[in-house]
Protein backbone atom coordinates (compact mmCIF):
# COMPACT_ATOMS: atom_id res chain seq x y z
CA MET A 1 34.33 41.44 -22.36
CA LYS A 2 36.80 38.52 -23.05
CA GLN A 3 33.92 36.25 -24.26
CA ALA A 4 32.52 38.98 -26.48
CA TYR A 5 35.97 39.55 -28.05
CA LYS A 6 36.33 35.78 -28.66
CA ASP A 7 32.91 35.63 -30.44
CA ILE A 8 33.84 38.61 -32.53
CA LYS A 9 37.14 37.13 -33.45
CA LYS A 10 35.64 33.83 -34.50
CA SER A 11 33.01 35.40 -36.64
CA PHE A 12 35.47 37.94 -38.15
CA TYR A 13 38.08 35.33 -39.20
CA ARG A 14 35.46 32.84 -40.39
CA ARG A 15 34.49 34.98 -43.39
CA LYS A 16 36.35 34.57 -46.65
CA ALA A 17 35.53 37.67 -48.70
CA GLY A 18 36.26 41.26 -47.63
CA ARG A 19 35.46 42.09 -44.05
CA THR A 20 34.84 45.38 -42.37
CA MET A 21 34.05 46.12 -38.71
CA GLN A 22 32.86 49.62 -37.94
CA ILE A 23 34.20 50.45 -34.43
CA ASN A 24 32.90 53.92 -34.03
CA ASP A 25 32.25 56.98 -36.17
CA ASN A 26 35.97 57.55 -36.79
CA TYR A 27 37.54 54.11 -36.97
CA LYS A 28 36.89 50.86 -38.75
CA ILE A 29 38.85 47.62 -39.32
CA GLU A 30 39.11 45.85 -42.66
CA ALA A 31 40.76 42.57 -43.20
CA ASP A 32 41.90 40.23 -45.96
CA GLU A 33 43.72 36.97 -45.78
CA LEU A 34 47.06 38.70 -44.91
CA ASN A 35 46.27 41.94 -43.02
CA VAL A 36 44.05 43.52 -40.48
CA VAL A 37 43.94 47.21 -41.15
CA LEU A 38 42.94 49.97 -38.80
CA ILE A 39 41.30 52.79 -40.84
CA ARG A 40 40.56 56.29 -39.65
CA ARG A 41 38.02 58.73 -41.04
CA ARG A 42 39.14 62.28 -41.72
CA VAL A 43 37.92 65.18 -43.69
CA GLY A 44 40.21 66.49 -46.40
CA GLN A 45 41.71 69.88 -45.72
CA GLU A 46 43.12 70.98 -49.01
CA GLY A 47 42.95 70.48 -52.76
CA LYS A 48 40.42 68.24 -54.48
CA SER A 49 39.65 66.40 -51.21
CA MET A 50 38.74 69.62 -49.21
CA GLY A 51 35.70 68.94 -47.26
CA VAL A 52 35.41 65.28 -48.53
CA GLU A 53 35.28 62.44 -46.04
CA ILE A 54 38.30 60.12 -46.47
CA TRP A 55 39.08 56.78 -44.89
CA GLU A 56 42.77 56.23 -44.68
CA PRO A 57 44.74 53.25 -43.28
CA VAL A 58 46.69 54.24 -40.17
CA ALA A 59 48.03 50.88 -39.01
CA TYR A 60 48.55 47.30 -40.54
CA HIS A 61 48.38 44.31 -38.20
CA THR A 62 48.49 40.56 -38.37
CA SER A 63 45.71 39.91 -35.85
CA LEU A 64 42.35 41.46 -34.85
CA LYS A 65 43.60 41.66 -31.25
CA SER A 66 46.54 43.86 -32.10
CA ALA A 67 44.32 46.13 -34.30
CA LEU A 68 41.91 46.59 -31.42
CA LYS A 69 44.82 47.38 -29.02
CA GLU A 70 46.00 49.99 -31.53
CA PHE A 71 42.53 51.47 -31.74
CA ALA A 72 42.39 51.71 -27.89
CA ARG A 73 45.87 53.24 -27.71
CA ARG A 74 44.98 55.98 -30.27
CA GLU A 75 41.70 56.68 -28.51
CA VAL A 76 43.36 57.05 -25.07
CA HIS A 77 46.15 59.24 -26.53
CA SER A 78 43.46 61.46 -28.11
CA THR A 79 42.55 62.50 -24.52
CA GLU A 80 46.07 64.07 -24.32
CA LEU A 81 46.45 62.10 -21.04
CA THR A 82 45.69 65.28 -18.97
CA ASN A 83 43.06 63.99 -16.70
CA LEU A 84 42.44 60.54 -15.19
CA ARG A 85 38.71 60.91 -15.19
CA ILE A 86 38.72 61.71 -18.93
CA ILE A 87 40.96 58.69 -19.57
CA VAL A 88 38.69 56.41 -17.64
CA GLN A 89 35.62 57.75 -19.45
CA LYS A 90 37.48 57.18 -22.77
CA MET A 91 38.31 53.55 -21.76
CA ASP A 92 34.64 53.00 -21.00
CA GLU A 93 33.67 54.33 -24.40
CA ILE A 94 36.24 51.97 -26.08
CA GLU A 95 34.90 48.99 -24.17
CA LYS A 96 31.29 49.80 -25.18
CA ALA A 97 32.44 50.35 -28.82
CA ILE A 98 34.15 46.89 -28.92
CA ASP A 99 31.07 45.31 -27.42
CA LYS A 100 28.91 46.72 -30.13
CA LEU A 101 31.07 45.67 -33.10
CA VAL A 102 29.16 44.44 -36.16
CA ILE A 103 30.88 42.72 -39.08
CA VAL A 104 29.81 43.82 -42.49
CA GLU A 105 30.76 41.79 -45.58
CA GLY A 106 31.69 43.65 -48.69
CA LYS A 107 34.48 44.16 -51.19
CA LEU A 108 37.82 45.34 -49.85
């Protein structure tokens, strides 16, 4: 997994324009020259955004590594830390998601 991370990191930082990495259905990472932003998908619950898919920034980082660590932390905490087997399964899911990362160029 370390080599896969290094390859992703090289490719991610090499790009000059807007960069986006879709991690899973609920998280993606976007970056510019100054920030790496962890973004979470949610569905609006009230007002004009009710029922609308919204991508909102949840954490700003200075490196891809710290953004991926934050993603992992949030995913593990979503298990509510109640069962070791569930936590291990979640960690396996996270590792697979990171191994599948694809970088998409586009405007930020």
